[in-house]
């Protein structure tokens, strides 16, 4: 299982780096500690990252409920004059 976790992490890093090269702004929703640890890979001068606890039943009550992550993403897109989702 550790090998699979390593490969998933490498794949995720690769996806973030690829999206990070886009000229168009990207909103990253970073849910959970593993995702939050990827934040340094995001160029936040061009893109936005929003952190939160993972929305799983075990941790959602620690801050996910009521956090409105999609509203935050939509506000960022509005600021960039993108159409509503």
N, C-alpha and C. Protein backbone atom coordinates (compact mmCIF):
# COMPACT_ATOMS: atom_id res chain seq x y z
N UNK A 1 0.81 -1.21 0.00
CA UNK A 1 0.00 0.00 0.00
C UNK A 1 0.85 1.28 0.00
N UNK A 2 1.98 1.34 0.69
CA UNK A 2 2.78 2.57 0.64
C UNK A 2 3.21 2.93 -0.78
N UNK A 3 3.51 1.92 -1.62
CA UNK A 3 3.90 2.19 -3.00
C UNK A 3 2.75 2.85 -3.77
N UNK A 4 1.54 2.37 -3.56
CA UNK A 4 0.37 2.96 -4.20
C UNK A 4 0.19 4.41 -3.74
N UNK A 5 0.32 4.65 -2.45
CA UNK A 5 0.19 6.02 -1.93
C UNK A 5 1.23 6.93 -2.55
N UNK A 6 2.45 6.43 -2.70
CA UNK A 6 3.52 7.23 -3.30
C UNK A 6 3.16 7.58 -4.74
N UNK A 7 2.67 6.59 -5.50
CA UNK A 7 2.32 6.84 -6.91
C UNK A 7 1.13 7.78 -7.03
N UNK A 8 0.17 7.67 -6.13
CA UNK A 8 -0.97 8.60 -6.15
C UNK A 8 -0.48 10.01 -5.86
N UNK A 9 0.42 10.16 -4.91
CA UNK A 9 0.99 11.47 -4.60
C UNK A 9 1.75 12.05 -5.77
N UNK A 10 2.53 11.23 -6.46
CA UNK A 10 3.28 11.69 -7.63
C UNK A 10 2.32 12.10 -8.75
N UNK A 11 1.27 11.32 -8.95
CA UNK A 11 0.28 11.66 -9.97
C UNK A 11 -0.39 12.99 -9.64
N UNK A 12 -0.79 13.15 -8.38
CA UNK A 12 -1.43 14.40 -7.95
C UNK A 12 -0.50 15.59 -8.16
N UNK A 13 0.76 15.44 -7.80
CA UNK A 13 1.73 16.51 -8.01
C UNK A 13 1.82 16.87 -9.49
N UNK A 14 1.83 15.87 -10.34
CA UNK A 14 1.91 16.08 -11.78
C UNK A 14 0.69 16.83 -12.31
N UNK A 15 -0.49 16.47 -11.83
CA UNK A 15 -1.73 17.15 -12.25
C UNK A 15 -1.69 18.62 -11.81
N UNK A 16 -1.29 18.85 -10.57
CA UNK A 16 -1.23 20.23 -10.06
C UNK A 16 -0.23 21.04 -10.88
N UNK A 17 0.93 20.48 -11.15
CA UNK A 17 1.94 21.21 -11.95
C UNK A 17 1.41 21.53 -13.35
N UNK A 18 0.72 20.58 -13.93
CA UNK A 18 0.15 20.80 -15.27
C UNK A 18 -0.90 21.91 -15.25
N UNK A 19 -1.83 21.85 -14.29
CA UNK A 19 -2.85 22.90 -14.18
C UNK A 19 -2.22 24.25 -13.84
N UNK A 20 -1.15 24.22 -13.09
CA UNK A 20 -0.47 25.43 -12.67
C UNK A 20 0.13 26.19 -13.85
N UNK A 21 0.44 25.48 -14.93
CA UNK A 21 1.02 26.11 -16.12
C UNK A 21 -0.02 26.81 -16.99
N UNK A 22 -1.28 26.57 -16.72
CA UNK A 22 -2.34 27.19 -17.53
C UNK A 22 -2.32 28.70 -17.35
N UNK A 23 -2.61 29.39 -18.43
CA UNK A 23 -2.71 30.85 -18.36
C UNK A 23 -4.00 31.26 -17.66
N UNK A 24 -5.07 30.47 -17.87
CA UNK A 24 -6.35 30.77 -17.24
C UNK A 24 -6.27 30.43 -15.75
N UNK A 25 -6.91 31.24 -14.91
CA UNK A 25 -6.89 30.95 -13.48
C UNK A 25 -7.60 29.64 -13.15
N UNK A 26 -7.09 28.96 -12.14
CA UNK A 26 -7.64 27.70 -11.67
C UNK A 26 -7.94 27.83 -10.18
N UNK A 27 -9.06 27.28 -9.74
CA UNK A 27 -9.40 27.22 -8.32
C UNK A 27 -9.13 25.79 -7.84
N UNK A 28 -8.31 25.66 -6.82
CA UNK A 28 -7.99 24.37 -6.22
C UNK A 28 -8.71 24.27 -4.89
N UNK A 29 -9.52 23.22 -4.70
CA UNK A 29 -10.17 22.94 -3.42
C UNK A 29 -9.35 21.86 -2.73
N UNK A 30 -8.69 22.22 -1.67
CA UNK A 30 -7.76 21.34 -0.96
C UNK A 30 -8.44 20.83 0.31
N UNK A 31 -8.93 19.61 0.23
CA UNK A 31 -9.70 19.04 1.33
C UNK A 31 -8.90 17.94 2.00
N UNK A 32 -8.54 18.14 3.23
CA UNK A 32 -7.80 17.16 4.00
C UNK A 32 -6.31 17.49 4.02
N UNK A 33 -5.62 16.91 4.98
CA UNK A 33 -4.21 17.23 5.20
C UNK A 33 -3.31 16.89 4.01
N UNK A 34 -3.59 15.77 3.33
CA UNK A 34 -2.76 15.41 2.18
C UNK A 34 -2.89 16.44 1.07
N UNK A 35 -4.11 16.91 0.83
CA UNK A 35 -4.33 17.93 -0.20
C UNK A 35 -3.75 19.27 0.23
N UNK A 36 -3.94 19.63 1.48
CA UNK A 36 -3.42 20.90 1.98
C UNK A 36 -1.90 20.95 1.87
N UNK A 37 -1.25 19.80 2.04
CA UNK A 37 0.21 19.74 1.92
C UNK A 37 0.68 20.04 0.49
N UNK A 38 -0.22 19.98 -0.48
CA UNK A 38 0.13 20.26 -1.88
C UNK A 38 0.07 21.76 -2.20
N UNK A 39 -0.40 22.57 -1.28
CA UNK A 39 -0.57 24.00 -1.55
C UNK A 39 0.70 24.70 -2.04
N UNK A 40 1.89 24.37 -1.53
CA UNK A 40 3.09 25.04 -2.04
C UNK A 40 3.33 24.83 -3.54
N UNK A 41 2.70 23.83 -4.14
CA UNK A 41 2.86 23.59 -5.58
C UNK A 41 2.03 24.57 -6.42
N UNK A 42 1.11 25.29 -5.79
CA UNK A 42 0.19 26.17 -6.51
C UNK A 42 0.78 27.58 -6.59
N UNK A 43 0.80 28.13 -7.79
CA UNK A 43 1.23 29.52 -8.00
C UNK A 43 0.04 30.41 -7.69
N UNK A 44 -0.02 30.91 -6.45
CA UNK A 44 -1.18 31.68 -6.03
C UNK A 44 -1.14 33.13 -6.50
N UNK A 45 -0.15 33.47 -7.30
CA UNK A 45 -0.19 34.78 -7.94
C UNK A 45 -1.14 34.74 -9.15
N UNK A 46 -1.42 33.52 -9.63
CA UNK A 46 -2.33 33.36 -10.78
C UNK A 46 -3.55 32.51 -10.47
N UNK A 47 -3.46 31.68 -9.47
CA UNK A 47 -4.53 30.73 -9.14
C UNK A 47 -4.94 30.92 -7.69
N UNK A 48 -6.02 30.24 -7.28
CA UNK A 48 -6.48 30.32 -5.88
C UNK A 48 -6.58 28.92 -5.30
N UNK A 49 -6.20 28.80 -4.03
CA UNK A 49 -6.36 27.56 -3.31
C UNK A 49 -7.17 27.80 -2.05
N UNK A 50 -8.14 26.94 -1.80
CA UNK A 50 -8.96 27.02 -0.59
C UNK A 50 -8.79 25.72 0.19
N UNK A 51 -8.47 25.85 1.47
CA UNK A 51 -8.24 24.70 2.34
C UNK A 51 -9.45 24.42 3.22
N UNK A 52 -9.63 23.14 3.53
CA UNK A 52 -10.66 22.75 4.48
C UNK A 52 -10.39 21.33 4.93
N UNK A 53 -11.07 20.93 6.00
CA UNK A 53 -10.99 19.53 6.43
C UNK A 53 -11.63 18.67 5.36
N UNK A 54 -11.30 17.40 5.37
CA UNK A 54 -11.89 16.47 4.41
C UNK A 54 -13.38 16.29 4.74
N UNK A 55 -14.24 16.25 3.73
CA UNK A 55 -15.68 16.13 4.01
C UNK A 55 -16.15 14.72 4.35
N UNK A 56 -15.28 13.88 4.87
CA UNK A 56 -15.68 12.53 5.25
C UNK A 56 -16.52 12.58 6.52
N UNK A 57 -17.30 11.55 6.78
CA UNK A 57 -18.13 11.53 7.99
C UNK A 57 -17.32 11.68 9.28
N UNK A 58 -16.06 11.28 9.27
CA UNK A 58 -15.25 11.35 10.49
C UNK A 58 -14.74 12.76 10.79
N UNK A 59 -14.63 13.61 9.77
CA UNK A 59 -14.04 14.92 10.04
C UNK A 59 -14.89 16.09 9.58
N UNK A 60 -15.98 15.85 8.88
CA UNK A 60 -16.78 16.95 8.35
C UNK A 60 -17.29 17.88 9.44
N UNK A 61 -17.57 17.34 10.61
CA UNK A 61 -18.09 18.16 11.71
C UNK A 61 -17.03 19.11 12.28
N UNK A 62 -15.75 18.93 11.89
CA UNK A 62 -14.67 19.79 12.39
C UNK A 62 -14.49 21.06 11.55
N UNK A 63 -15.47 21.40 10.73
CA UNK A 63 -15.35 22.65 10.00
C UNK A 63 -15.85 22.63 8.57
N UNK A 64 -16.10 21.44 8.02
CA UNK A 64 -16.54 21.41 6.63
C UNK A 64 -17.97 21.92 6.49
N UNK A 65 -18.85 21.46 7.37
CA UNK A 65 -20.25 21.89 7.28
C UNK A 65 -20.34 23.40 7.46
N UNK A 66 -20.99 24.06 6.53
CA UNK A 66 -21.16 25.50 6.60
C UNK A 66 -20.00 26.31 6.05
N UNK A 67 -18.95 25.64 5.57
CA UNK A 67 -17.78 26.38 5.09
C UNK A 67 -17.97 26.92 3.66
N UNK A 68 -18.94 26.40 2.96
CA UNK A 68 -19.32 26.89 1.63
C UNK A 68 -18.14 26.92 0.64
N UNK A 69 -17.46 25.78 0.43
CA UNK A 69 -16.29 25.79 -0.44
C UNK A 69 -16.62 26.14 -1.89
N UNK A 70 -17.78 25.74 -2.37
CA UNK A 70 -18.12 26.04 -3.75
C UNK A 70 -18.48 27.51 -3.92
N UNK A 71 -19.04 28.12 -2.88
CA UNK A 71 -19.31 29.56 -2.91
C UNK A 71 -18.00 30.34 -2.95
N UNK A 72 -17.00 29.88 -2.20
CA UNK A 72 -15.68 30.53 -2.22
C UNK A 72 -15.07 30.42 -3.62
N UNK A 73 -15.19 29.24 -4.21
CA UNK A 73 -14.65 29.05 -5.56
C UNK A 73 -15.38 29.94 -6.56
N UNK A 74 -16.68 30.02 -6.44
CA UNK A 74 -17.45 30.86 -7.35
C UNK A 74 -17.10 32.34 -7.19
N UNK A 75 -16.85 32.79 -5.96
CA UNK A 75 -16.43 34.18 -5.74
C UNK A 75 -15.10 34.46 -6.43
N UNK A 76 -14.19 33.50 -6.36
CA UNK A 76 -12.90 33.67 -7.03
C UNK A 76 -13.10 33.76 -8.54
N UNK A 77 -13.95 32.90 -9.07
CA UNK A 77 -14.22 32.92 -10.51
C UNK A 77 -14.90 34.23 -10.91
N UNK A 78 -15.81 34.72 -10.08
CA UNK A 78 -16.47 36.01 -10.36
C UNK A 78 -15.43 37.13 -10.44
N UNK A 79 -14.45 37.10 -9.55
CA UNK A 79 -13.41 38.12 -9.56
C UNK A 79 -12.58 38.08 -10.84
N UNK A 80 -12.52 36.91 -11.46
CA UNK A 80 -11.79 36.76 -12.72
C UNK A 80 -12.70 36.92 -13.93
N UNK A 81 -13.98 37.27 -13.67
CA UNK A 81 -14.98 37.48 -14.73
C UNK A 81 -15.26 36.19 -15.54
N UNK A 82 -15.30 35.06 -14.82
CA UNK A 82 -15.67 33.80 -15.47
C UNK A 82 -17.16 33.60 -15.33
N UNK A 83 -17.79 32.85 -16.23
CA UNK A 83 -19.23 32.59 -16.10
C UNK A 83 -19.52 31.73 -14.88
N UNK A 84 -20.73 31.87 -14.36
CA UNK A 84 -21.14 31.10 -13.18
C UNK A 84 -21.12 29.62 -13.47
N UNK A 85 -20.82 28.83 -12.43
CA UNK A 85 -20.87 27.37 -12.55
C UNK A 85 -22.29 26.89 -12.46
